[in-house]
Protein backbone atom coordinates (compact mmCIF):
# COMPACT_ATOMS: atom_id res chain seq x y z
CA MET A 1 -90.60 -68.66 -0.07
CA PRO A 2 -88.50 -66.27 2.29
CA GLY A 3 -84.94 -67.26 2.79
CA SER A 4 -84.81 -69.07 -0.91
CA GLU A 5 -83.91 -66.11 -2.90
CA GLY A 6 -81.75 -67.25 -5.74
CA ALA A 7 -82.50 -70.96 -5.11
CA ILE A 8 -81.53 -73.59 -7.84
CA ASP A 9 -82.69 -77.37 -8.23
CA PRO A 10 -84.76 -77.30 -5.14
CA HIS A 11 -85.81 -80.97 -3.91
CA LEU A 12 -88.26 -81.43 -0.80
CA SER A 13 -86.91 -84.11 1.95
CA PRO A 14 -88.62 -87.30 1.74
CA ALA A 15 -90.70 -86.40 4.60
CA GLY A 16 -91.71 -83.24 3.10
CA ASP A 17 -90.73 -81.03 5.87
CA ARG A 18 -87.17 -79.63 4.38
CA ILE A 19 -86.39 -78.09 1.23
CA ALA A 20 -82.56 -78.31 -0.16
CA PHE A 21 -81.14 -76.22 -2.79
CA VAL A 22 -78.24 -74.60 -4.18
CA ARG A 23 -77.36 -70.70 -3.86
CA ASP A 24 -74.18 -69.26 -4.82
CA GLY A 25 -72.84 -72.79 -5.57
CA ASP A 26 -73.34 -74.01 -2.12
CA LEU A 27 -75.69 -76.19 -0.41
CA CYS A 28 -78.39 -75.19 1.79
CA VAL A 29 -81.41 -76.28 3.57
CA LEU A 30 -84.56 -74.50 4.41
CA PRO A 31 -87.49 -75.56 6.66
CA ALA A 32 -90.77 -76.05 4.50
CA ALA A 33 -92.73 -74.19 7.31
CA GLY A 34 -90.25 -70.97 7.12
CA GLY A 35 -87.00 -70.41 8.78
CA ALA A 36 -83.63 -69.05 8.25
CA PRO A 37 -81.93 -71.64 5.79
CA LEU A 38 -79.26 -73.81 7.10
CA ARG A 39 -75.79 -73.27 4.86
CA LEU A 40 -74.22 -76.84 4.57
CA THR A 41 -71.14 -76.25 2.53
CA HIS A 42 -68.91 -73.00 2.26
CA ASP A 43 -66.23 -72.94 0.02
CA ALA A 44 -68.09 -72.26 -3.62
CA GLU A 45 -66.47 -69.77 -5.92
CA ASP A 46 -66.03 -69.33 -9.74
CA GLY A 47 -65.71 -72.79 -11.23
CA LEU A 48 -66.34 -74.47 -7.69
CA THR A 49 -70.06 -75.62 -6.65
CA ASN A 50 -71.31 -77.91 -4.35
CA GLY A 51 -74.44 -79.64 -5.20
CA LEU A 52 -74.81 -79.09 -8.81
CA ALA A 53 -74.26 -81.40 -11.32
CA GLU A 54 -71.27 -80.48 -13.73
CA PHE A 55 -71.46 -79.66 -17.45
CA ILE A 56 -70.47 -82.95 -18.50
CA ALA A 57 -72.84 -84.74 -16.32
CA GLN A 58 -75.64 -82.52 -17.67
CA GLU A 59 -75.07 -82.60 -21.15
CA GLU A 60 -73.62 -85.99 -22.01
CA LEU A 61 -74.17 -88.22 -18.98
CA ASP A 62 -78.11 -87.59 -18.54
CA ARG A 63 -77.34 -86.63 -14.91
CA ASP A 64 -78.88 -83.35 -14.38
CA ARG A 65 -78.79 -83.53 -10.22
CA GLY A 66 -76.02 -83.06 -7.89
CA PHE A 67 -77.59 -84.06 -4.52
CA TRP A 68 -79.64 -86.67 -3.16
CA TRP A 69 -81.52 -86.60 0.09
CA SER A 70 -81.06 -89.91 2.25
CA PRO A 71 -84.51 -92.06 2.92
CA ASP A 72 -84.60 -90.88 6.41
CA GLY A 73 -83.86 -87.31 5.51
CA THR A 74 -81.09 -87.25 7.75
CA ARG A 75 -78.22 -86.61 5.34
CA ILE A 76 -77.56 -85.38 1.71
CA ALA A 77 -74.97 -86.76 -0.73
CA PHE A 78 -73.79 -84.25 -3.03
CA ILE A 79 -71.12 -83.74 -5.41
CA ARG A 80 -68.56 -80.98 -5.13
CA ALA A 81 -67.36 -80.32 -8.73
CA ASP A 82 -64.21 -78.19 -9.16
CA SER A 83 -63.55 -76.53 -12.66
CA ARG A 84 -61.23 -73.39 -11.89
CA HIS A 85 -58.60 -74.98 -13.96
CA ILE A 86 -60.57 -75.37 -17.16
CA PRO A 87 -60.25 -72.08 -19.35
CA GLU A 88 -62.88 -69.98 -19.93
CA TYR A 89 -64.83 -70.41 -23.30
CA PRO A 90 -66.52 -66.87 -24.73
CA ILE A 91 -69.48 -67.17 -26.94
CA VAL A 92 -70.42 -63.95 -28.51
CA HIS A 93 -73.88 -63.09 -29.11
CA GLN A 94 -74.50 -60.71 -31.71
CA GLY A 95 -77.35 -59.09 -33.36
CA LYS A 96 -78.86 -56.84 -30.60
CA ALA A 97 -77.89 -53.23 -29.68
CA GLY A 98 -75.03 -54.63 -27.61
CA ILE A 99 -73.05 -57.46 -27.61
CA ASP A 100 -73.13 -60.33 -25.16
CA VAL A 101 -70.57 -62.37 -24.01
CA GLU A 102 -71.41 -65.72 -22.55
CA ARG A 103 -68.63 -67.69 -20.72
CA HIS A 104 -68.27 -71.31 -19.83
CA ARG A 105 -65.74 -73.69 -18.83
CA TYR A 106 -65.73 -75.98 -21.96
CA PRO A 107 -63.96 -79.13 -21.56
CA PHE A 108 -62.93 -79.89 -24.79
CA ALA A 109 -61.64 -83.54 -26.01
CA GLY A 110 -58.54 -84.39 -24.61
CA GLN A 111 -58.36 -81.77 -21.97
CA PRO A 112 -58.91 -81.84 -18.11
CA ASN A 113 -62.26 -82.72 -16.88
CA ALA A 114 -63.71 -81.14 -13.60
CA ILE A 115 -62.43 -82.80 -10.66
CA LEU A 116 -65.29 -84.41 -8.66
CA ASP A 117 -65.71 -85.08 -4.84
CA LEU A 118 -68.73 -86.96 -3.29
CA GLY A 119 -69.40 -85.81 0.20
CA ILE A 120 -72.01 -86.67 2.56
CA ALA A 121 -73.85 -83.49 4.72
CA HIS A 122 -74.94 -84.64 8.07
CA LEU A 123 -78.01 -82.19 9.09
CA ASP A 124 -77.54 -82.89 12.62
CA GLY A 125 -74.55 -80.62 13.29
CA GLY A 126 -73.47 -79.89 9.82
CA ARG A 127 -70.54 -82.32 9.33
CA ILE A 128 -69.36 -83.38 5.93
CA GLU A 129 -68.21 -86.91 5.53
CA TRP A 130 -65.97 -87.54 2.03
CA LEU A 131 -66.12 -90.52 0.53
CA ASP A 132 -63.31 -92.30 -0.96
CA LEU A 133 -64.00 -93.34 -4.91
CA GLY A 134 -60.62 -94.63 -5.20
CA PRO A 135 -56.90 -93.57 -6.48
CA GLU A 136 -58.33 -92.44 -9.95
CA ARG A 137 -59.49 -88.93 -9.64
CA ASP A 138 -59.99 -88.32 -13.43
CA ILE A 139 -63.36 -90.20 -13.30
CA TYR A 140 -67.04 -89.23 -14.11
CA ILE A 141 -69.49 -89.88 -11.31
CA ALA A 142 -72.33 -91.44 -13.13
CA ARG A 143 -74.91 -92.27 -10.96
CA VAL A 144 -76.07 -91.68 -7.27
CA GLY A 145 -78.46 -93.20 -5.30
CA TRP A 146 -79.45 -94.60 -1.80
CA ARG A 147 -80.40 -97.76 -0.98
CA PRO A 148 -83.62 -98.32 1.04
CA ASP A 149 -81.46 -99.49 4.44
CA GLY A 150 -79.50 -96.03 4.17
CA ALA A 151 -76.38 -97.22 2.27
CA LEU A 152 -75.19 -95.17 -0.66
CA ALA A 153 -74.49 -96.60 -4.12
CA VAL A 154 -72.42 -94.85 -6.70
CA GLN A 155 -71.57 -95.76 -10.43
CA VAL A 156 -68.10 -94.49 -11.15
CA LEU A 157 -67.54 -94.39 -14.54
CA SER A 158 -63.89 -94.50 -16.03
CA ARG A 159 -62.62 -91.38 -18.02
CA ASP A 160 -62.20 -93.95 -21.27
CA GLN A 161 -65.60 -95.29 -20.55
CA ARG A 162 -64.75 -98.50 -20.86
CA THR A 163 -65.08 -99.18 -17.01
CA LEU A 164 -68.07 -99.13 -15.02
CA ARG A 165 -68.02 -99.49 -11.00
CA LEU A 166 -70.85 -100.07 -8.57
CA VAL A 167 -69.54 -98.73 -4.98
CA LEU A 168 -71.30 -99.33 -1.90
CA PHE A 169 -71.05 -96.78 0.91
CA GLU A 170 -72.49 -98.13 4.21
CA PRO A 171 -72.61 -96.01 7.45
CA GLY A 172 -69.38 -96.62 9.52
CA ARG A 173 -67.98 -98.90 6.78
CA PRO A 174 -65.44 -98.08 3.80
CA GLY A 175 -66.90 -98.06 0.39
CA ARG A 176 -66.71 -101.48 -1.39
CA VAL A 177 -66.94 -102.66 -4.94
CA LEU A 178 -70.14 -104.70 -5.81
CA LEU A 179 -69.91 -105.08 -9.46
CA GLU A 180 -67.24 -103.96 -12.10
CA GLU A 181 -67.97 -104.13 -15.69
CA ARG A 182 -65.76 -103.59 -18.81
CA GLN A 183 -67.19 -103.11 -22.04
CA ASP A 184 -65.31 -102.08 -25.50
CA PRO A 185 -65.54 -99.93 -27.20
CA TRP A 186 -67.52 -97.96 -24.57
CA ILE A 187 -70.40 -98.39 -22.03
CA ASN A 188 -73.56 -96.90 -22.88
CA LEU A 189 -74.91 -95.37 -19.23
CA ALA A 190 -78.36 -96.60 -18.17
CA GLY A 191 -80.76 -95.67 -15.02
CA ASP A 192 -82.32 -98.59 -14.52
CA THR A 193 -80.52 -99.86 -11.35
CA VAL A 194 -83.15 -101.16 -8.52
CA PHE A 195 -82.19 -101.73 -5.18
CA LEU A 196 -84.94 -104.21 -4.04
CA ARG A 197 -86.00 -104.46 -0.43
CA ASP A 198 -84.25 -107.56 0.19
CA GLY A 199 -80.85 -105.80 -0.67
CA ARG A 200 -80.79 -107.65 -4.19
CA ILE A 201 -80.10 -105.67 -7.05
CA LEU A 202 -82.02 -105.18 -10.45
CA TRP A 203 -79.22 -104.15 -13.04
CA SER A 204 -79.22 -103.56 -16.58
CA SER A 205 -76.07 -104.04 -19.03
CA GLU A 206 -75.15 -104.67 -22.52
CA ARG A 207 -72.49 -107.23 -21.65
CA SER A 208 -74.11 -109.79 -24.21
CA GLY A 209 -73.99 -106.76 -26.68
CA TYR A 210 -77.64 -105.98 -25.96
CA ARG A 211 -79.22 -104.35 -22.76
CA HIS A 212 -80.67 -106.95 -20.79
CA LEU A 213 -81.67 -107.59 -17.12
CA TYR A 214 -79.76 -109.28 -14.35
CA LEU A 215 -80.53 -110.15 -10.97
CA LEU A 216 -77.58 -109.86 -8.61
CA SER A 217 -77.28 -110.75 -5.19
CA PRO A 218 -77.02 -107.74 -2.24
CA ASP A 219 -72.95 -108.32 -2.79
CA GLY A 220 -73.02 -107.72 -6.45
CA ILE A 221 -73.08 -111.59 -7.22
CA LEU A 222 -74.91 -112.92 -10.37
CA GLU A 223 -78.17 -114.66 -9.49
CA ARG A 224 -79.91 -115.12 -12.98
CA GLN A 225 -80.43 -113.66 -16.25
CA LEU A 226 -84.12 -112.15 -16.61
CA THR A 227 -83.94 -111.33 -20.20
CA SER A 228 -82.18 -112.27 -23.16
CA GLY A 229 -81.54 -112.42 -26.85
CA GLY A 230 -80.89 -110.46 -29.86
CA TRP A 231 -83.07 -107.48 -28.76
CA MET A 232 -82.50 -105.11 -26.05
CA VAL A 233 -84.44 -103.85 -22.93
CA THR A 234 -85.02 -99.73 -23.26
CA SER A 235 -85.95 -98.97 -19.97
CA VAL A 236 -87.47 -100.55 -16.66
CA LEU A 237 -90.98 -99.08 -15.50
CA GLY A 238 -90.61 -100.57 -11.98
CA VAL A 239 -90.64 -103.91 -9.71
CA ASP A 240 -93.71 -105.25 -8.29
CA GLU A 241 -91.46 -106.85 -5.18
CA ALA A 242 -94.85 -108.24 -3.74
CA ARG A 243 -95.43 -110.38 -6.79
CA GLY A 244 -91.76 -110.61 -7.76
CA LEU A 245 -92.47 -108.87 -11.29
CA VAL A 246 -90.44 -106.55 -13.48
CA TYR A 247 -91.73 -104.26 -15.81
CA PHE A 248 -90.00 -102.91 -18.59
CA ALA A 249 -89.71 -101.81 -22.40
CA ALA A 250 -88.12 -103.49 -25.51
CA THR A 251 -87.46 -103.96 -29.12
CA ARG A 252 -88.34 -107.71 -28.75
CA GLU A 253 -90.99 -107.53 -31.57
CA SER A 254 -89.03 -105.20 -33.69
CA PRO A 255 -86.58 -102.54 -33.41
CA LEU A 256 -89.18 -100.27 -34.91
CA GLU A 257 -91.61 -100.60 -32.30
CA ARG A 258 -91.69 -100.50 -28.47
CA HIS A 259 -93.80 -102.96 -26.38
CA LEU A 260 -94.42 -103.25 -22.47
CA TYR A 261 -93.63 -106.61 -21.20
CA ARG A 262 -93.15 -108.22 -17.58
CA VAL A 263 -90.71 -111.15 -16.29
CA PRO A 264 -90.48 -112.81 -13.18
CA LEU A 265 -87.74 -112.24 -10.71
CA ALA A 266 -87.54 -115.84 -10.05
CA GLY A 267 -86.86 -116.25 -14.21
CA GLY A 268 -88.93 -117.38 -16.64
CA GLU A 269 -90.57 -116.25 -20.55
CA PRO A 270 -91.10 -112.07 -20.58
CA GLU A 271 -95.15 -111.68 -21.24
CA ARG A 272 -95.96 -109.01 -23.64
CA LEU A 273 -98.48 -106.53 -22.01
CA THR A 274 -99.45 -104.31 -25.21
CA PRO A 275 -101.02 -105.98 -28.17
CA GLU A 276 -101.37 -102.92 -30.34
CA PRO A 277 -98.51 -102.63 -33.26
CA GLY A 278 -96.46 -99.31 -32.58
CA TRP A 279 -94.83 -97.56 -30.08
CA HIS A 280 -95.59 -97.80 -26.12
CA ALA A 281 -94.08 -96.00 -23.33
CA GLY A 282 -95.45 -96.88 -19.83
CA VAL A 283 -95.65 -95.53 -16.11
CA LEU A 284 -96.31 -98.34 -13.64
CA GLY A 285 -98.99 -97.19 -11.02
CA PRO A 286 -98.80 -97.49 -7.12
CA GLY A 287 -98.63 -100.94 -5.75
CA ALA A 288 -98.40 -102.06 -9.47
CA ALA A 289 -102.23 -102.64 -9.97
CA TRP A 290 -102.16 -100.49 -13.29
CA LEU A 291 -100.11 -99.72 -15.98
CA LEU A 292 -100.60 -96.45 -18.08
CA ASP A 293 -99.96 -97.08 -21.52
CA SER A 294 -99.38 -94.33 -23.93
CA TRP A 295 -98.98 -95.53 -27.41
CA SER A 296 -99.25 -94.69 -31.42
CA SER A 297 -98.13 -95.61 -34.74
CA ARG A 298 -97.26 -94.00 -38.04
CA GLY A 299 -101.28 -94.43 -38.67
CA GLN A 300 -102.57 -94.00 -35.06
CA PRO A 301 -102.21 -90.82 -33.24
CA PRO A 302 -101.49 -91.15 -29.57
CA ARG A 303 -103.52 -92.64 -27.32
CA VAL A 304 -103.47 -93.36 -23.36
CA VAL A 305 -104.93 -96.18 -21.69
CA ALA A 306 -104.98 -97.87 -18.17
CA ARG A 307 -104.52 -101.58 -18.42
CA GLU A 308 -105.13 -103.72 -15.00
CA LEU A 309 -102.11 -105.82 -14.39
CA ALA A 310 -104.08 -108.28 -12.42
CA GLY A 311 -106.93 -108.70 -14.48
CA SER A 312 -108.41 -107.86 -18.02
CA ARG A 313 -109.79 -104.41 -17.92
CA VAL A 314 -108.46 -101.76 -20.31
CA ILE A 315 -109.63 -98.11 -19.39
CA PRO A 316 -109.21 -95.15 -22.04
CA VAL A 317 -107.57 -92.27 -20.28
CA HIS A 318 -107.01 -90.09 -23.47
CA ASP A 319 -108.18 -90.63 -27.19
CA ALA A 320 -106.84 -88.50 -30.05
CA GLU A 321 -109.61 -87.13 -32.03
CA PRO A 322 -111.15 -89.08 -34.97
CA VAL A 323 -108.29 -87.83 -37.28
CA ASP A 324 -106.07 -89.58 -39.28
CA ALA A 325 -103.06 -88.97 -41.47
CA GLU A 326 -105.62 -88.74 -44.73
CA SER A 327 -107.59 -86.45 -43.18
CA LEU A 328 -104.80 -84.08 -42.34
CA GLY A 329 -103.57 -83.96 -45.62
CA LEU A 330 -100.26 -86.23 -44.31
CA VAL A 331 -98.35 -89.09 -46.04
CA VAL A 332 -97.99 -91.99 -43.67
CA PRO A 333 -94.13 -92.80 -44.28
CA GLU A 334 -93.44 -96.12 -45.91
CA PHE A 335 -90.92 -98.75 -44.35
CA HIS A 336 -87.96 -99.70 -46.54
CA GLN A 337 -85.24 -102.31 -45.70
CA VAL A 338 -81.82 -101.00 -47.37
CA THR A 339 -78.43 -103.45 -47.36
CA ALA A 340 -75.50 -101.57 -45.90
CA PRO A 341 -72.29 -102.42 -47.84
CA ASP A 342 -71.16 -104.94 -45.11
CA GLY A 343 -74.57 -106.70 -45.53
CA THR A 344 -76.06 -105.41 -42.40
CA VAL A 345 -79.94 -104.53 -42.68
CA LEU A 346 -80.80 -100.98 -42.14
CA TYR A 347 -84.26 -99.21 -41.87
CA GLY A 348 -85.33 -96.49 -43.68
CA ALA A 349 -88.75 -94.17 -43.99
CA LEU A 350 -89.97 -92.78 -47.08
CA TYR A 351 -92.38 -89.97 -47.57
CA ARG A 352 -93.57 -90.32 -51.06
CA PRO A 353 -95.34 -87.13 -52.76
CA ALA A 354 -98.36 -87.58 -55.05
CA PRO A 355 -98.09 -89.25 -58.27
CA SER A 356 -96.80 -87.37 -60.86
CA ASP A 357 -96.04 -87.52 -64.65
CA ARG A 358 -92.39 -86.75 -63.42
CA PRO A 359 -90.04 -88.20 -61.34
CA ALA A 360 -90.04 -86.69 -57.77
CA PRO A 361 -86.63 -85.35 -56.60
CA VAL A 362 -85.10 -86.45 -53.39
CA VAL A 363 -84.27 -85.02 -50.32
CA ILE A 364 -82.67 -86.80 -47.52
CA SER A 365 -83.47 -86.11 -43.73
CA VAL A 366 -80.54 -87.08 -41.53
CA TYR A 367 -79.10 -87.37 -38.09
CA GLY A 368 -77.08 -90.51 -38.21
CA GLY A 369 -75.72 -90.07 -34.52
CA PRO A 370 -75.59 -92.30 -31.65
CA HIS A 371 -78.46 -92.40 -29.08
CA VAL A 372 -80.61 -91.64 -31.84
CA GLN A 373 -83.47 -93.93 -33.47
CA ARG A 374 -85.57 -92.13 -36.38
CA VAL A 375 -87.26 -94.69 -38.14
CA VAL A 376 -89.94 -96.24 -35.77
CA ASP A 377 -93.63 -96.94 -35.79
CA ASP A 378 -94.63 -93.86 -34.26
CA TRP A 379 -96.82 -91.03 -34.83
CA THR A 380 -93.86 -88.64 -34.81
CA LEU A 381 -92.78 -90.18 -37.68
CA THR A 382 -95.59 -88.96 -39.71
CA VAL A 383 -96.04 -85.65 -38.05
CA ASP A 384 -92.47 -84.22 -39.04
CA LEU A 385 -93.85 -81.18 -40.53
CA ARG A 386 -91.12 -80.23 -42.68
CA ALA A 387 -91.10 -83.61 -44.40
CA GLN A 388 -94.82 -83.12 -45.03
CA TYR A 389 -94.18 -79.68 -46.14
CA LEU A 390 -91.54 -80.89 -48.88
CA ALA A 391 -93.64 -84.07 -49.85
CA GLN A 392 -96.54 -81.92 -50.61
CA GLN A 393 -94.37 -80.07 -52.87
CA GLY A 394 -93.57 -83.05 -54.94
CA ILE A 395 -90.15 -83.75 -52.89
CA ALA A 396 -89.64 -87.44 -51.86
CA VAL A 397 -88.09 -87.48 -48.12
CA PHE A 398 -86.18 -90.32 -47.33
CA LYS A 399 -84.86 -90.74 -43.67
CA LEU A 400 -82.26 -94.01 -42.73
CA ASP A 401 -81.39 -95.25 -39.41
CA ASN A 402 -77.36 -95.66 -40.49
CA ARG A 403 -74.81 -98.10 -38.69
CA GLY A 404 -74.15 -96.26 -35.53
CA SER A 405 -77.41 -95.41 -34.58
CA SER A 406 -79.58 -96.36 -31.81
CA GLY A 407 -81.84 -99.05 -31.04
CA ARG A 408 -80.04 -102.06 -32.43
CA GLY A 409 -77.60 -103.03 -30.08
CA LEU A 410 -73.82 -102.30 -28.82
CA ALA A 411 -72.21 -103.96 -32.19
CA PHE A 412 -74.78 -101.91 -34.64
CA GLU A 413 -73.83 -98.50 -32.58
CA ALA A 414 -69.97 -99.42 -32.58
CA HIS A 415 -69.68 -99.37 -36.03
CA ILE A 416 -68.38 -95.51 -35.63
CA ALA A 417 -66.00 -96.21 -33.03
CA ARG A 418 -62.96 -94.04 -33.50
CA ARG A 419 -63.96 -93.24 -37.31
CA MET A 420 -67.09 -91.04 -37.01
CA GLY A 421 -68.08 -89.68 -40.36
CA THR A 422 -67.06 -92.95 -42.33
CA VAL A 423 -69.91 -95.71 -42.33
CA GLU A 424 -72.31 -93.32 -41.76
CA VAL A 425 -72.17 -91.88 -44.72
CA ASP A 426 -71.28 -95.06 -46.90
CA ASP A 427 -74.66 -96.02 -45.47
CA GLN A 428 -76.25 -92.96 -46.39
CA VAL A 429 -75.12 -93.36 -49.88
CA ALA A 430 -76.30 -97.06 -49.90
CA GLY A 431 -79.84 -95.67 -49.29
CA VAL A 432 -79.88 -93.09 -52.24
CA ARG A 433 -78.66 -96.06 -54.72
CA TYR A 434 -81.57 -98.13 -52.94
CA LEU A 435 -83.70 -95.27 -53.94
CA SER A 436 -82.66 -95.04 -57.46
CA GLY A 437 -84.05 -98.21 -57.93
CA LEU A 438 -87.44 -97.49 -56.90
CA PRO A 439 -90.03 -96.16 -59.50
CA GLY A 440 -91.08 -92.55 -59.79
CA LEU A 441 -87.95 -91.14 -57.99
CA ASP A 442 -85.21 -89.10 -59.16
CA THR A 443 -82.14 -89.63 -57.60
CA SER A 444 -79.69 -87.82 -60.10
CA ARG A 445 -79.70 -84.61 -57.75
CA VAL A 446 -79.82 -85.36 -54.09
CA GLY A 447 -80.23 -82.80 -51.38
CA ILE A 448 -79.85 -83.47 -47.90
CA TYR A 449 -80.28 -82.13 -44.35
CA GLY A 450 -79.88 -82.27 -40.66
CA TRP A 451 -79.54 -80.69 -37.54
CA SER A 452 -76.74 -80.95 -34.87
CA TYR A 453 -75.07 -84.48 -35.61
CA GLY A 454 -77.58 -84.34 -38.82
CA GLY A 455 -75.76 -81.15 -39.57
CA TYR A 456 -72.65 -82.90 -39.17
CA MET A 457 -73.59 -85.95 -41.54
CA THR A 458 -74.79 -83.26 -44.40
CA LEU A 459 -71.32 -81.63 -44.55
CA MET A 460 -69.85 -85.26 -44.44
CA CYS A 461 -72.22 -86.16 -47.26
CA LEU A 462 -71.30 -83.29 -49.25
CA LEU A 463 -67.60 -83.63 -49.02
CA LYS A 464 -67.08 -87.44 -49.16
CA ALA A 465 -69.93 -88.18 -51.90
CA PRO A 466 -70.32 -85.18 -53.65
CA GLU A 467 -71.47 -86.95 -56.88
CA VAL A 468 -74.48 -88.45 -54.75
CA PHE A 469 -75.34 -85.25 -52.55
CA ARG A 470 -75.58 -82.12 -54.47
CA ALA A 471 -76.93 -79.60 -52.04
CA GLY A 472 -77.30 -79.41 -48.42
CA VAL A 473 -78.55 -77.55 -45.14
CA ALA A 474 -76.49 -78.27 -42.24
CA GLY A 475 -77.80 -77.03 -38.85
CA ALA A 476 -75.29 -76.53 -35.86
CA PRO A 477 -72.92 -79.10 -37.17
CA VAL A 478 -69.85 -79.90 -35.50
CA THR A 479 -66.78 -79.17 -37.76
CA ASP A 480 -64.13 -80.57 -35.95
CA TRP A 481 -64.31 -83.01 -33.07
CA ASP A 482 -61.46 -81.35 -31.23
CA GLY A 483 -63.75 -78.58 -30.75
CA TYR A 484 -66.49 -80.64 -28.90
CA ASP A 485 -66.72 -81.94 -25.27
CA THR A 486 -64.67 -84.51 -23.77
CA GLY A 487 -67.88 -86.51 -22.41
CA TYR A 488 -69.58 -87.18 -26.03
CA THR A 489 -66.33 -87.02 -28.26
CA GLU A 490 -64.13 -89.26 -26.25
CA ARG A 491 -66.68 -92.00 -25.75
CA TYR A 492 -66.72 -92.56 -29.45
CA MET A 493 -63.60 -91.13 -30.59
CA GLY A 494 -60.76 -91.42 -27.71
CA THR A 495 -58.78 -88.50 -27.38
CA PRO A 496 -57.30 -86.48 -30.08
CA ALA A 497 -53.88 -87.55 -28.97
CA ASP A 498 -54.82 -91.37 -29.25
CA ASN A 499 -56.73 -90.91 -32.38
CA PRO A 500 -55.13 -88.54 -34.52
CA GLU A 501 -56.04 -89.88 -37.58
CA GLY A 502 -59.28 -90.75 -36.29
CA TYR A 503 -59.79 -86.97 -35.68
CA ARG A 504 -58.59 -86.13 -39.14
CA GLU A 505 -60.48 -88.10 -41.05
CA ALA A 506 -63.48 -87.25 -39.04
CA SER A 507 -63.26 -83.55 -39.60
CA ALA A 508 -65.46 -81.61 -42.13
CA ARG A 509 -62.51 -78.98 -42.14
CA PRO A 510 -59.85 -80.85 -43.55
CA MET A 511 -57.50 -78.00 -44.51
CA ARG A 512 -57.86 -76.24 -40.87
CA THR A 513 -54.42 -74.96 -39.57
CA GLY A 514 -54.76 -76.07 -36.07
CA SER A 515 -57.32 -73.71 -34.72
CA LYS A 516 -60.08 -75.32 -32.81
CA ALA A 517 -63.81 -75.41 -34.45
CA ALA A 518 -66.62 -73.33 -33.00
CA CYS A 519 -68.55 -75.66 -30.89
CA SER A 520 -72.15 -76.51 -31.07
CA SER A 521 -74.75 -75.48 -28.65
CA SER A 522 -77.07 -78.26 -29.28
CA THR A 523 -76.16 -82.05 -28.17
CA ALA A 524 -74.66 -83.92 -31.23
């Protein structure tokens, strides 16, 4: 479209008559019918942007946007991110005819972050209104969204990621804090907040140790807890306000499965909507008349069905070809339970090769870090082709979700707080000890491989338990956590200044001389 050359992150207005985008670091608006763009900000320069998510927001906070249209299309909320004070970090790319140097303003753990401001650009005249987020400047702007009535809601996360404030900015009034939560050892962010038409708020929180849903008044006062128990809500699919129902996915049946449920806003027992065992993901249709359910299991390739929510009809949308693991020459992984050194039950998956007259050698496939769960009753577990290839070569492959991984609640994940590379290694060793008691496996010389945090785990297992792990392949490992970014590392480890012993123990380079490790280009 003429006038949009060089546009980044374009978004249509709610009415579809205008397009907002970022160009050369400034926020612009262009009529959808064509014409000259209106430039809303004018101060961008190298390291200073308006309307773009800064690096930490994109990489570690699951916020990939830096501006948001108001419901009536007359205003745009946007973030001004100033990273000019962060030194550039060069990444050298070799192997071609010439050497290419890529430069990033990369905030290392314990070092300064981008300075963030939140503004509202008024399209009738271009006036910018800057919002007061409080006296503390060293913060993360975690979530931004407009309420149906045109008020702007902002989730502000403290630098140590233990305090989260929900701040509301209403036209003509100063911001007010609707809710403040403090959680140790950290707060896991979610994108589940829903503002209902009557002003009430659907809020999700791990305040009980498991993520559950809460209904709050328009002023942020708790009205009722909608879900509870030793399981966790993993996502909110939507709210049927006309019928007073919330639809969500959760681990209520088992941490190895995901099912879809609904619960009344007025309170009551959740109703399970997905009878088939396995892993379900859902999309709530317009008017909440239908639920699109995509599901699979270790033995069932993905299927998609439409479920009638006011009736009993189930309409196939997509069915996998009539294949199964056996016809594809694949091994269906076995589920196993392993006891961690502290007595915690861990879940593992074993890819067994065909029976042989010799015990099968064992290779561990590992990730082991937070926010990831690998051992699940899902077709993706079966179609791990690297594991399947090794099994075809007569090698047994084992995956174990150690303490610190996802899907089991905050306490399970928080075992690694301020001490990465410790309990995870203990649990992987416990996994090998467990395998040594199974028939047909040779655990005398175990290999291990992984990528990103799994690469880091590979190094730590080789360094800390060389009598168990004899060889490994580490892909894109973090070797020293003071060389990784602020948002991820400080959440789990604090800063190098306040946790020097933890950083020393977590390093895969114990003999380092103080220089920073090269940062991994992948998310840990």
